[in-house]
């Protein structure tokens, strides 16, 4: 099993049966990155899905997120 990166900062959002985690983690080289995770309860337990965003991609990710968010209106 892969060793978990150090959590530098974490924000938890509860949304019904789902919980979202926005974490800043530090890798073994001291580089910070963002993990966005969703955890939801099922009959068999919990399912957790995670995406990783590296600092060099955060502006592109944020811009795309804003565009998608604005399209929901």
N, C-alpha and C. Protein backbone atom coordinates (compact mmCIF):
# COMPACT_ATOMS: atom_id res chain seq x y z
N UNK A 1 0.83 -1.18 0.00
CA UNK A 1 0.00 0.00 0.00
C UNK A 1 0.87 1.25 0.00
N UNK A 2 0.50 2.21 -0.83
CA UNK A 2 1.28 3.44 -0.95
C UNK A 2 1.13 4.29 0.32
N UNK A 3 2.24 4.87 0.77
CA UNK A 3 2.19 5.70 1.96
C UNK A 3 1.45 7.00 1.65
N UNK A 4 0.57 7.41 2.54
CA UNK A 4 -0.22 8.61 2.35
C UNK A 4 0.65 9.85 2.52
N UNK A 5 0.44 10.85 1.66
CA UNK A 5 1.17 12.10 1.76
C UNK A 5 0.72 12.88 2.98
N UNK A 6 1.60 13.74 3.47
CA UNK A 6 1.27 14.58 4.62
C UNK A 6 0.20 15.59 4.25
N UNK A 7 -0.81 15.72 5.08
CA UNK A 7 -1.85 16.72 4.87
C UNK A 7 -1.39 18.03 5.49
N UNK A 8 -1.32 19.08 4.66
CA UNK A 8 -0.90 20.40 5.10
C UNK A 8 -2.13 21.22 5.52
N UNK A 9 -3.23 21.04 4.79
CA UNK A 9 -4.47 21.78 5.05
C UNK A 9 -5.63 20.91 4.57
N UNK A 10 -6.77 20.97 5.26
CA UNK A 10 -7.93 20.20 4.85
C UNK A 10 -9.21 20.96 5.12
N UNK A 11 -10.12 20.90 4.17
CA UNK A 11 -11.46 21.49 4.31
C UNK A 11 -12.46 20.40 4.00
N UNK A 12 -13.43 20.20 4.89
CA UNK A 12 -14.44 19.14 4.75
C UNK A 12 -15.80 19.78 4.54
N UNK A 13 -16.55 19.27 3.55
CA UNK A 13 -17.88 19.77 3.25
C UNK A 13 -18.84 18.59 3.25
N UNK A 14 -19.82 18.63 4.15
CA UNK A 14 -20.84 17.58 4.21
C UNK A 14 -22.01 18.01 3.34
N UNK A 15 -22.45 17.11 2.44
CA UNK A 15 -23.53 17.41 1.51
C UNK A 15 -24.43 16.18 1.39
N UNK A 16 -25.39 16.07 2.28
CA UNK A 16 -26.28 14.91 2.26
C UNK A 16 -25.52 13.64 2.59
N UNK A 17 -25.60 12.64 1.70
CA UNK A 17 -24.91 11.37 1.91
C UNK A 17 -23.44 11.42 1.47
N UNK A 18 -23.04 12.55 0.95
CA UNK A 18 -21.68 12.71 0.45
C UNK A 18 -20.88 13.64 1.35
N UNK A 19 -19.58 13.40 1.38
CA UNK A 19 -18.65 14.30 2.06
C UNK A 19 -17.54 14.60 1.08
N UNK A 20 -17.23 15.89 0.92
CA UNK A 20 -16.14 16.30 0.04
C UNK A 20 -14.97 16.78 0.89
N UNK A 21 -13.77 16.43 0.46
CA UNK A 21 -12.55 16.86 1.14
C UNK A 21 -11.68 17.61 0.14
N UNK A 22 -11.25 18.78 0.52
CA UNK A 22 -10.30 19.57 -0.26
C UNK A 22 -9.03 19.62 0.57
N UNK A 23 -8.03 18.88 0.15
CA UNK A 23 -6.79 18.75 0.92
C UNK A 23 -5.61 19.32 0.15
N UNK A 24 -4.72 19.96 0.87
CA UNK A 24 -3.39 20.27 0.34
C UNK A 24 -2.47 19.28 1.00
N UNK A 25 -1.72 18.55 0.17
CA UNK A 25 -0.81 17.53 0.67
C UNK A 25 0.61 17.84 0.21
N UNK A 26 1.54 17.28 0.92
CA UNK A 26 2.95 17.43 0.57
C UNK A 26 3.52 16.07 0.18
N UNK A 27 4.16 16.01 -0.99
CA UNK A 27 4.75 14.74 -1.42
C UNK A 27 6.14 14.55 -0.80
N UNK A 28 6.78 13.45 -1.13
CA UNK A 28 8.07 13.11 -0.53
C UNK A 28 9.18 14.09 -0.90
N UNK A 29 8.96 14.88 -1.96
CA UNK A 29 9.96 15.87 -2.38
C UNK A 29 9.67 17.26 -1.82
N UNK A 30 8.63 17.38 -0.98
CA UNK A 30 8.27 18.68 -0.39
C UNK A 30 7.37 19.53 -1.26
N UNK A 31 6.87 18.99 -2.37
CA UNK A 31 5.99 19.71 -3.29
C UNK A 31 4.53 19.57 -2.82
N UNK A 32 3.83 20.68 -2.74
CA UNK A 32 2.42 20.64 -2.37
C UNK A 32 1.56 20.38 -3.60
N UNK A 33 0.43 19.71 -3.38
CA UNK A 33 -0.54 19.48 -4.44
C UNK A 33 -1.92 19.39 -3.80
N UNK A 34 -2.96 19.48 -4.60
CA UNK A 34 -4.34 19.46 -4.11
C UNK A 34 -4.97 18.11 -4.41
N UNK A 35 -5.67 17.57 -3.43
CA UNK A 35 -6.49 16.37 -3.61
C UNK A 35 -7.94 16.77 -3.32
N UNK A 36 -8.81 16.49 -4.26
CA UNK A 36 -10.25 16.69 -4.04
C UNK A 36 -10.86 15.30 -4.02
N UNK A 37 -11.51 14.98 -2.89
CA UNK A 37 -12.08 13.64 -2.71
C UNK A 37 -13.56 13.72 -2.40
N UNK A 38 -14.28 12.71 -2.87
CA UNK A 38 -15.68 12.54 -2.54
C UNK A 38 -15.80 11.20 -1.85
N UNK A 39 -16.48 11.18 -0.72
CA UNK A 39 -16.74 9.94 0.00
C UNK A 39 -18.26 9.83 0.15
N UNK A 40 -18.78 8.67 -0.22
CA UNK A 40 -20.23 8.48 -0.06
C UNK A 40 -20.51 7.09 0.47
N UNK A 41 -21.58 7.03 1.25
CA UNK A 41 -21.96 5.77 1.88
C UNK A 41 -22.80 4.94 0.93
N UNK A 42 -22.50 3.65 0.91
CA UNK A 42 -23.30 2.69 0.15
C UNK A 42 -23.72 1.58 1.11
N UNK A 43 -24.49 0.64 0.62
CA UNK A 43 -24.89 -0.49 1.46
C UNK A 43 -23.70 -1.33 1.90
N UNK A 44 -22.65 -1.34 1.09
CA UNK A 44 -21.47 -2.16 1.38
C UNK A 44 -20.40 -1.41 2.18
N UNK A 45 -20.57 -0.12 2.41
CA UNK A 45 -19.56 0.68 3.12
C UNK A 45 -19.43 2.05 2.49
N UNK A 46 -18.21 2.48 2.27
CA UNK A 46 -17.97 3.79 1.69
C UNK A 46 -17.19 3.66 0.39
N UNK A 47 -17.50 4.55 -0.55
CA UNK A 47 -16.75 4.65 -1.80
C UNK A 47 -16.05 6.00 -1.77
N UNK A 48 -14.77 6.00 -2.05
CA UNK A 48 -14.01 7.25 -2.08
C UNK A 48 -13.35 7.40 -3.44
N UNK A 49 -13.55 8.57 -4.03
CA UNK A 49 -12.93 8.88 -5.32
C UNK A 49 -12.13 10.16 -5.15
N UNK A 50 -10.95 10.20 -5.75
CA UNK A 50 -10.05 11.33 -5.57
C UNK A 50 -9.45 11.76 -6.89
N UNK A 51 -9.32 13.08 -7.06
CA UNK A 51 -8.53 13.61 -8.17
C UNK A 51 -7.40 14.44 -7.57
N UNK A 52 -6.29 14.48 -8.27
CA UNK A 52 -5.11 15.21 -7.83
C UNK A 52 -4.86 16.34 -8.82
N UNK A 53 -4.59 17.54 -8.28
CA UNK A 53 -4.29 18.69 -9.12
C UNK A 53 -2.96 19.27 -8.66
N UNK A 54 -2.02 19.37 -9.60
CA UNK A 54 -0.71 19.90 -9.28
C UNK A 54 -0.69 21.41 -9.46
N UNK A 55 0.18 22.10 -8.73
CA UNK A 55 0.21 23.57 -8.76
C UNK A 55 0.27 24.17 -10.17
N UNK A 56 1.02 23.54 -11.06
CA UNK A 56 1.15 24.10 -12.41
C UNK A 56 -0.14 24.01 -13.22
N UNK A 57 -1.12 23.24 -12.73
CA UNK A 57 -2.39 23.08 -13.44
C UNK A 57 -3.56 23.78 -12.77
N UNK A 58 -3.35 24.37 -11.59
CA UNK A 58 -4.47 24.90 -10.81
C UNK A 58 -5.23 26.02 -11.51
N UNK A 59 -4.54 26.91 -12.20
CA UNK A 59 -5.24 28.01 -12.90
C UNK A 59 -6.13 27.47 -14.02
N UNK A 60 -5.63 26.51 -14.79
CA UNK A 60 -6.43 25.90 -15.86
C UNK A 60 -7.64 25.17 -15.27
N UNK A 61 -7.42 24.46 -14.17
CA UNK A 61 -8.49 23.73 -13.51
C UNK A 61 -9.55 24.71 -12.99
N UNK A 62 -9.10 25.78 -12.35
CA UNK A 62 -10.02 26.77 -11.79
C UNK A 62 -10.84 27.43 -12.89
N UNK A 63 -10.19 27.79 -13.99
CA UNK A 63 -10.90 28.43 -15.10
C UNK A 63 -11.97 27.49 -15.66
N UNK A 64 -11.62 26.23 -15.87
CA UNK A 64 -12.59 25.26 -16.39
C UNK A 64 -13.73 25.05 -15.41
N UNK A 65 -13.41 24.99 -14.11
CA UNK A 65 -14.43 24.82 -13.08
C UNK A 65 -15.41 26.00 -13.10
N UNK A 66 -14.88 27.22 -13.20
CA UNK A 66 -15.74 28.41 -13.26
C UNK A 66 -16.65 28.37 -14.49
N UNK A 67 -16.10 27.98 -15.64
CA UNK A 67 -16.91 27.89 -16.86
C UNK A 67 -18.05 26.89 -16.70
N UNK A 68 -17.75 25.73 -16.14
CA UNK A 68 -18.77 24.71 -15.93
C UNK A 68 -19.79 25.19 -14.91
N UNK A 69 -19.32 25.79 -13.82
CA UNK A 69 -20.23 26.30 -12.79
C UNK A 69 -21.18 27.33 -13.37
N UNK A 70 -20.68 28.24 -14.19
CA UNK A 70 -21.52 29.28 -14.79
C UNK A 70 -22.51 28.70 -15.79
N UNK A 71 -22.20 27.56 -16.37
CA UNK A 71 -23.12 26.92 -17.32
C UNK A 71 -24.28 26.23 -16.61
N UNK A 72 -24.16 26.02 -15.31
CA UNK A 72 -25.25 25.39 -14.54
C UNK A 72 -26.41 26.35 -14.30
N UNK A 73 -26.16 27.62 -14.38
CA UNK A 73 -27.19 28.63 -14.05
C UNK A 73 -28.28 28.69 -15.08
